[in-house]
């Protein structure tokens, strides 16, 4: 199981060092947290002289934590809904011995990614897709 801390803020954080006592933050044990996926966007084409080019425009990592029902109560579920809507979202990863720095992330637009295990409303599960550096 992997541990993450999710934090929201109205403004950009002053520092990126993890703060155990921060407000608007919850820690979760993820039932599933695959390695971050590296994603990039490139401008690819040919010049007028026929020479091919490929320019890296951006590079990011995609984090896909799955927070299962044993971690969710009404307060944490409400926090995750606020996290989905927040202007500034951060994630910190626990490596087994210490917490890493906060990483600013964004979410895709659309519906809050809530599902129910075996279609039972008493067993909620949240599968986030977070894109950051």
N, C-alpha and C. Protein backbone atom coordinates (compact mmCIF):
# COMPACT_ATOMS: atom_id res chain seq x y z
N UNK A 1 0.83 -1.17 0.00
CA UNK A 1 0.00 0.00 0.00
C UNK A 1 0.88 1.24 0.00
N UNK A 2 0.49 2.26 -0.72
CA UNK A 2 1.22 3.51 -0.80
C UNK A 2 0.48 4.58 -0.03
N UNK A 3 1.24 5.46 0.58
CA UNK A 3 0.65 6.58 1.33
C UNK A 3 0.84 7.86 0.53
N UNK A 4 -0.21 8.67 0.51
CA UNK A 4 -0.15 9.98 -0.12
C UNK A 4 -0.79 11.00 0.81
N UNK A 5 -0.42 12.24 0.63
CA UNK A 5 -1.07 13.35 1.31
C UNK A 5 -1.59 14.28 0.23
N UNK A 6 -2.86 14.63 0.32
CA UNK A 6 -3.47 15.55 -0.63
C UNK A 6 -3.76 16.85 0.12
N UNK A 7 -3.40 17.97 -0.51
CA UNK A 7 -3.57 19.27 0.12
C UNK A 7 -4.15 20.24 -0.89
N UNK A 8 -5.05 21.10 -0.42
CA UNK A 8 -5.61 22.14 -1.28
C UNK A 8 -5.28 23.50 -0.70
N UNK A 9 -5.29 24.50 -1.58
CA UNK A 9 -4.99 25.87 -1.16
C UNK A 9 -5.66 26.83 -2.13
N UNK A 10 -5.99 28.00 -1.63
CA UNK A 10 -6.56 29.04 -2.50
C UNK A 10 -5.46 29.76 -3.27
N UNK A 11 -4.26 29.75 -2.71
CA UNK A 11 -3.12 30.44 -3.33
C UNK A 11 -1.96 29.46 -3.44
N UNK A 12 -0.96 29.85 -4.18
CA UNK A 12 0.22 29.01 -4.33
C UNK A 12 0.96 28.90 -2.99
N UNK A 13 1.49 27.72 -2.69
CA UNK A 13 2.19 27.51 -1.43
C UNK A 13 3.48 28.31 -1.39
N UNK A 14 3.83 28.78 -0.18
CA UNK A 14 5.09 29.51 0.02
C UNK A 14 6.29 28.60 -0.18
N UNK A 15 6.22 27.39 0.33
CA UNK A 15 7.30 26.42 0.20
C UNK A 15 6.73 25.07 -0.16
N UNK A 16 7.56 24.21 -0.71
CA UNK A 16 7.08 22.90 -1.15
C UNK A 16 7.39 21.79 -0.16
N UNK A 17 8.04 22.10 0.96
CA UNK A 17 8.37 21.08 1.95
C UNK A 17 7.09 20.59 2.62
N UNK A 18 6.98 19.28 2.79
CA UNK A 18 5.81 18.67 3.39
C UNK A 18 5.62 19.18 4.82
N UNK A 19 4.38 19.52 5.17
CA UNK A 19 4.04 20.01 6.50
C UNK A 19 3.00 19.08 7.10
N UNK A 20 3.39 18.35 8.13
CA UNK A 20 2.51 17.38 8.76
C UNK A 20 1.30 18.04 9.42
N UNK A 21 1.43 19.31 9.80
CA UNK A 21 0.36 20.02 10.51
C UNK A 21 -0.43 20.97 9.61
N UNK A 22 -0.29 20.84 8.31
CA UNK A 22 -0.96 21.75 7.38
C UNK A 22 -2.48 21.60 7.45
N UNK A 23 -3.15 22.71 7.27
CA UNK A 23 -4.62 22.67 7.19
C UNK A 23 -5.01 22.29 5.76
N UNK A 24 -6.24 21.91 5.58
CA UNK A 24 -6.76 21.50 4.26
C UNK A 24 -5.93 20.38 3.65
N UNK A 25 -5.61 19.39 4.47
CA UNK A 25 -4.79 18.26 4.03
C UNK A 25 -5.28 16.98 4.70
N UNK A 26 -5.31 15.91 3.92
CA UNK A 26 -5.59 14.58 4.46
C UNK A 26 -4.57 13.61 3.91
N UNK A 27 -4.24 12.61 4.70
CA UNK A 27 -3.36 11.53 4.26
C UNK A 27 -4.21 10.30 4.00
N UNK A 28 -3.83 9.56 2.97
CA UNK A 28 -4.57 8.36 2.57
C UNK A 28 -3.61 7.21 2.32
N UNK A 29 -4.05 6.01 2.67
CA UNK A 29 -3.39 4.79 2.23
C UNK A 29 -4.12 4.35 0.97
N UNK A 30 -3.42 4.31 -0.13
CA UNK A 30 -4.05 3.96 -1.41
C UNK A 30 -4.07 2.45 -1.59
N UNK A 31 -5.20 1.95 -2.03
CA UNK A 31 -5.30 0.52 -2.31
C UNK A 31 -4.52 0.21 -3.59
N UNK A 32 -4.39 1.19 -4.46
CA UNK A 32 -3.63 1.04 -5.70
C UNK A 32 -2.96 2.37 -6.02
N UNK A 33 -1.68 2.32 -6.30
CA UNK A 33 -0.94 3.52 -6.70
C UNK A 33 0.21 3.09 -7.61
N UNK A 34 -0.09 2.91 -8.91
CA UNK A 34 0.97 2.49 -9.83
C UNK A 34 2.03 3.58 -9.96
N UNK A 35 3.19 3.18 -10.43
CA UNK A 35 4.27 4.16 -10.66
C UNK A 35 3.76 5.29 -11.54
N UNK A 36 4.21 6.53 -11.27
CA UNK A 36 3.80 7.65 -12.12
C UNK A 36 4.19 7.40 -13.58
N UNK A 37 3.33 7.78 -14.47
CA UNK A 37 3.55 7.61 -15.90
C UNK A 37 4.11 8.92 -16.46
N UNK A 38 5.21 8.84 -17.19
CA UNK A 38 5.78 10.03 -17.82
C UNK A 38 5.03 10.30 -19.12
N UNK A 39 4.61 11.54 -19.26
CA UNK A 39 3.86 11.94 -20.45
C UNK A 39 4.51 13.19 -21.03
N UNK A 40 4.52 13.31 -22.35
CA UNK A 40 5.06 14.52 -22.95
C UNK A 40 4.24 14.93 -24.15
N UNK A 41 4.40 16.18 -24.51
CA UNK A 41 3.73 16.73 -25.69
C UNK A 41 4.81 17.28 -26.60
N UNK A 42 4.73 16.93 -27.88
CA UNK A 42 5.75 17.34 -28.84
C UNK A 42 5.12 18.03 -30.04
N UNK A 43 5.88 18.91 -30.64
CA UNK A 43 5.52 19.51 -31.92
C UNK A 43 6.37 18.79 -32.95
N UNK A 44 5.73 18.04 -33.83
CA UNK A 44 6.43 17.22 -34.82
C UNK A 44 6.01 17.67 -36.21
N UNK A 45 6.98 17.77 -37.11
CA UNK A 45 6.65 18.15 -38.47
C UNK A 45 7.88 18.17 -39.36
N UNK A 46 7.71 18.81 -40.51
CA UNK A 46 8.82 18.96 -41.46
C UNK A 46 8.93 20.42 -41.84
N UNK A 47 10.18 20.85 -42.03
CA UNK A 47 10.42 22.21 -42.48
C UNK A 47 10.16 22.28 -43.98
N UNK A 48 10.20 23.49 -44.53
CA UNK A 48 9.99 23.66 -45.96
C UNK A 48 11.07 22.95 -46.79
N UNK A 49 12.26 22.80 -46.19
CA UNK A 49 13.34 22.12 -46.92
C UNK A 49 13.25 20.60 -46.77
N UNK A 50 12.25 20.10 -46.04
CA UNK A 50 12.06 18.66 -45.92
C UNK A 50 12.71 18.03 -44.70
N UNK A 51 13.33 18.84 -43.88
CA UNK A 51 13.99 18.31 -42.69
C UNK A 51 12.95 18.09 -41.58
N UNK A 52 12.98 16.90 -40.98
CA UNK A 52 12.03 16.56 -39.91
C UNK A 52 12.49 17.16 -38.59
N UNK A 53 11.52 17.52 -37.74
CA UNK A 53 11.85 18.02 -36.41
C UNK A 53 10.85 17.47 -35.40
N UNK A 54 11.30 17.44 -34.16
CA UNK A 54 10.47 17.01 -33.05
C UNK A 54 10.92 17.81 -31.83
N UNK A 55 10.10 18.77 -31.44
CA UNK A 55 10.45 19.65 -30.31
C UNK A 55 9.59 19.29 -29.11
N UNK A 56 10.24 19.08 -27.98
CA UNK A 56 9.53 18.80 -26.74
C UNK A 56 8.89 20.09 -26.23
N UNK A 57 7.56 20.09 -26.11
CA UNK A 57 6.84 21.26 -25.62
C UNK A 57 6.64 21.21 -24.11
N UNK A 58 6.30 20.03 -23.60
CA UNK A 58 6.09 19.89 -22.16
C UNK A 58 6.29 18.44 -21.74
N UNK A 59 6.61 18.27 -20.46
CA UNK A 59 6.80 16.95 -19.89
C UNK A 59 6.12 16.95 -18.53
N UNK A 60 5.39 15.90 -18.23
CA UNK A 60 4.72 15.82 -16.95
C UNK A 60 4.63 14.37 -16.50
N UNK A 61 4.19 14.18 -15.26
CA UNK A 61 3.96 12.84 -14.73
C UNK A 61 2.49 12.72 -14.39
N UNK A 62 1.95 11.54 -14.61
CA UNK A 62 0.55 11.28 -14.29
C UNK A 62 0.51 10.32 -13.11
N UNK A 63 -0.18 10.74 -12.06
CA UNK A 63 -0.35 9.94 -10.85
C UNK A 63 -1.78 9.42 -10.82
N UNK A 64 -1.95 8.13 -10.55
CA UNK A 64 -3.27 7.50 -10.56
C UNK A 64 -3.57 6.80 -9.23
N UNK A 65 -3.74 7.54 -8.13
CA UNK A 65 -4.07 6.88 -6.87
C UNK A 65 -5.52 6.43 -6.82
N UNK A 66 -5.74 5.27 -6.22
CA UNK A 66 -7.09 4.76 -6.00
C UNK A 66 -7.29 4.69 -4.49
N UNK A 67 -8.28 5.43 -4.00
CA UNK A 67 -8.58 5.48 -2.58
C UNK A 67 -9.85 4.68 -2.35
N UNK A 68 -9.73 3.62 -1.57
CA UNK A 68 -10.83 2.68 -1.42
C UNK A 68 -11.69 2.98 -0.19
N UNK A 69 -12.73 2.22 -0.07
CA UNK A 69 -13.76 2.44 0.93
C UNK A 69 -13.26 2.42 2.37
N UNK A 70 -12.24 1.61 2.67
CA UNK A 70 -11.74 1.55 4.04
C UNK A 70 -11.06 2.84 4.47
N UNK A 71 -10.72 3.72 3.54
CA UNK A 71 -10.10 5.01 3.84
C UNK A 71 -11.10 6.16 3.83
N UNK A 72 -12.31 5.90 3.39
CA UNK A 72 -13.25 6.98 3.16
C UNK A 72 -14.35 7.02 4.22
N UNK A 73 -14.50 8.18 4.83
CA UNK A 73 -15.68 8.47 5.64
C UNK A 73 -16.29 9.74 5.04
N UNK A 74 -17.35 10.24 5.64
CA UNK A 74 -18.04 11.40 5.07
C UNK A 74 -17.13 12.63 4.97
N UNK A 75 -16.29 12.86 6.00
CA UNK A 75 -15.39 14.03 5.98
C UNK A 75 -14.35 13.91 4.88
N UNK A 76 -13.74 12.73 4.74
CA UNK A 76 -12.71 12.55 3.72
C UNK A 76 -13.31 12.59 2.33
N UNK A 77 -14.50 12.06 2.16
CA UNK A 77 -15.16 12.11 0.86
C UNK A 77 -15.49 13.56 0.49
N UNK A 78 -15.95 14.34 1.46
CA UNK A 78 -16.22 15.76 1.22
C UNK A 78 -14.93 16.50 0.88
N UNK A 79 -13.83 16.15 1.56
CA UNK A 79 -12.54 16.76 1.25
C UNK A 79 -12.12 16.44 -0.18
N UNK A 80 -12.27 15.18 -0.60
CA UNK A 80 -11.89 14.80 -1.97
C UNK A 80 -12.73 15.53 -3.01
N UNK A 81 -14.00 15.77 -2.72
CA UNK A 81 -14.83 16.56 -3.64
C UNK A 81 -14.32 18.00 -3.71
N UNK A 82 -13.92 18.56 -2.56
CA UNK A 82 -13.33 19.91 -2.55
C UNK A 82 -12.00 19.93 -3.29
N UNK A 83 -11.22 18.86 -3.12
CA UNK A 83 -9.94 18.73 -3.81
C UNK A 83 -10.16 18.76 -5.32
N UNK A 84 -11.17 18.05 -5.80
CA UNK A 84 -11.48 17.99 -7.23
C UNK A 84 -11.77 19.38 -7.78
N UNK A 85 -12.42 20.25 -6.97
CA UNK A 85 -12.83 21.58 -7.42
C UNK A 85 -11.81 22.67 -7.12
N UNK A 86 -10.80 22.39 -6.30
CA UNK A 86 -9.88 23.43 -5.82
C UNK A 86 -9.04 24.03 -6.96
N UNK A 87 -8.65 25.29 -6.76
CA UNK A 87 -7.78 25.96 -7.73
C UNK A 87 -6.36 25.44 -7.66
N UNK A 88 -5.85 25.23 -6.46
CA UNK A 88 -4.48 24.75 -6.27
C UNK A 88 -4.53 23.41 -5.55
N UNK A 89 -3.99 22.38 -6.19
CA UNK A 89 -3.99 21.03 -5.63
C UNK A 89 -2.56 20.54 -5.52
N UNK A 90 -2.27 19.83 -4.43
CA UNK A 90 -0.93 19.32 -4.20
C UNK A 90 -1.00 17.88 -3.73
N UNK A 91 0.05 17.13 -4.06
CA UNK A 91 0.19 15.77 -3.58
C UNK A 91 1.61 15.62 -3.02
N UNK A 92 1.72 14.87 -1.94
CA UNK A 92 3.03 14.51 -1.37
C UNK A 92 3.05 13.00 -1.25
N UNK A 93 4.17 12.39 -1.60
CA UNK A 93 4.29 10.93 -1.60
C UNK A 93 5.16 10.48 -0.43
N UNK A 94 4.79 9.37 0.17
CA UNK A 94 5.56 8.79 1.28
C UNK A 94 6.36 7.63 0.73
N UNK A 95 7.68 7.65 0.93
CA UNK A 95 8.54 6.61 0.34
C UNK A 95 8.83 5.45 1.29
N UNK A 96 8.15 5.42 2.43
CA UNK A 96 8.38 4.35 3.39
C UNK A 96 9.16 4.82 4.61
N UNK A 97 9.92 5.90 4.45
CA UNK A 97 10.68 6.45 5.58
C UNK A 97 10.39 7.93 5.80
N UNK A 98 10.09 8.66 4.74
CA UNK A 98 9.82 10.10 4.89
C UNK A 98 8.89 10.59 3.79
N UNK A 99 8.32 11.76 4.03
CA UNK A 99 7.43 12.39 3.05
C UNK A 99 8.25 13.22 2.07
N UNK A 100 7.87 13.17 0.81
CA UNK A 100 8.50 14.01 -0.21
C UNK A 100 7.88 15.39 -0.20
N UNK A 101 8.41 16.26 -1.02
CA UNK A 101 7.88 17.61 -1.15
C UNK A 101 6.52 17.58 -1.83
N UNK A 102 5.79 18.67 -1.66
CA UNK A 102 4.51 18.81 -2.36
C UNK A 102 4.77 18.99 -3.85
N UNK A 103 3.93 18.37 -4.64
CA UNK A 103 3.96 18.52 -6.10
C UNK A 103 2.62 19.11 -6.51
N UNK A 104 2.65 20.23 -7.22
CA UNK A 104 1.39 20.80 -7.69
C UNK A 104 0.85 19.94 -8.82
N UNK A 105 -0.43 19.64 -8.77
CA UNK A 105 -1.06 18.79 -9.77
C UNK A 105 -2.34 19.45 -10.27
N UNK A 106 -2.81 18.96 -11.39
CA UNK A 106 -4.10 19.38 -11.93
C UNK A 106 -4.93 18.13 -12.17
N UNK A 107 -6.24 18.32 -12.23
CA UNK A 107 -7.14 17.23 -12.56
C UNK A 107 -7.79 17.55 -13.89
N UNK A 108 -8.29 16.52 -14.54
CA UNK A 108 -9.04 16.75 -15.76
C UNK A 108 -10.41 17.30 -15.40
N UNK A 109 -11.05 17.95 -16.33
CA UNK A 109 -12.40 18.43 -16.07
C UNK A 109 -13.38 17.26 -16.18
N UNK A 110 -14.54 17.47 -15.66
CA UNK A 110 -15.56 16.43 -15.76
C UNK A 110 -16.07 16.01 -14.40
N UNK A 111 -16.71 14.88 -14.38
CA UNK A 111 -17.34 14.37 -13.17
C UNK A 111 -16.31 13.92 -12.15
N UNK A 112 -16.65 14.09 -10.87
CA UNK A 112 -15.83 13.59 -9.78
C UNK A 112 -15.75 12.07 -9.93
N UNK A 113 -14.53 11.50 -9.88
CA UNK A 113 -14.34 10.08 -10.21
C UNK A 113 -14.71 9.12 -9.06
N UNK A 114 -15.95 9.16 -8.65
CA UNK A 114 -16.45 8.30 -7.59
C UNK A 114 -17.15 7.10 -8.21
N UNK A 115 -16.81 5.93 -7.73
CA UNK A 115 -17.51 4.71 -8.15
C UNK A 115 -17.82 3.91 -6.90
N UNK A 116 -18.55 2.83 -7.07
CA UNK A 116 -18.95 2.00 -5.94
C UNK A 116 -18.57 0.56 -6.23
N UNK A 117 -17.92 -0.07 -5.26
CA UNK A 117 -17.50 -1.46 -5.41
C UNK A 117 -18.75 -2.33 -5.45
N UNK A 118 -18.84 -3.18 -6.45
CA UNK A 118 -20.01 -4.07 -6.65
C UNK A 118 -21.32 -3.31 -6.65
N UNK A 119 -21.29 -2.04 -7.07
CA UNK A 119 -22.47 -1.17 -7.13
C UNK A 119 -23.18 -1.00 -5.79
N UNK A 120 -22.44 -1.12 -4.70
CA UNK A 120 -23.00 -0.92 -3.36
C UNK A 120 -22.63 0.48 -2.87
N UNK A 121 -23.63 1.28 -2.56
CA UNK A 121 -23.37 2.67 -2.16
C UNK A 121 -22.61 2.78 -0.85
N UNK A 122 -22.57 1.73 -0.06
CA UNK A 122 -21.81 1.74 1.19
C UNK A 122 -20.33 1.49 0.96
N UNK A 123 -19.93 1.20 -0.28
CA UNK A 123 -18.54 0.89 -0.61
C UNK A 123 -18.01 1.84 -1.69
N UNK A 124 -17.80 3.14 -1.34
CA UNK A 124 -17.31 4.08 -2.34
C UNK A 124 -15.81 3.88 -2.62
N UNK A 125 -15.40 4.30 -3.82
CA UNK A 125 -14.00 4.25 -4.22
C UNK A 125 -13.75 5.45 -5.14
N UNK A 126 -12.61 6.10 -4.94
CA UNK A 126 -12.26 7.28 -5.74
C UNK A 126 -10.96 6.97 -6.49
N UNK A 127 -11.00 7.10 -7.82
CA UNK A 127 -9.83 6.86 -8.69
C UNK A 127 -9.44 8.19 -9.33
N UNK A 128 -8.40 8.81 -8.80
CA UNK A 128 -7.97 10.11 -9.30
C UNK A 128 -6.95 9.97 -10.42
N UNK A 129 -6.96 10.93 -11.31
CA UNK A 129 -5.91 11.06 -12.32
C UNK A 129 -5.35 12.47 -12.16
N UNK A 130 -4.12 12.54 -11.63
CA UNK A 130 -3.49 13.82 -11.32
C UNK A 130 -2.27 14.00 -12.22
N UNK A 131 -2.16 15.16 -12.83
CA UNK A 131 -1.04 15.46 -13.70
C UNK A 131 -0.19 16.54 -13.05
N UNK A 132 1.11 16.27 -12.90
CA UNK A 132 2.01 17.22 -12.27
C UNK A 132 3.40 17.09 -12.82
N UNK A 133 4.34 17.76 -12.18
CA UNK A 133 5.72 17.72 -12.66
C UNK A 133 6.49 16.59 -12.03
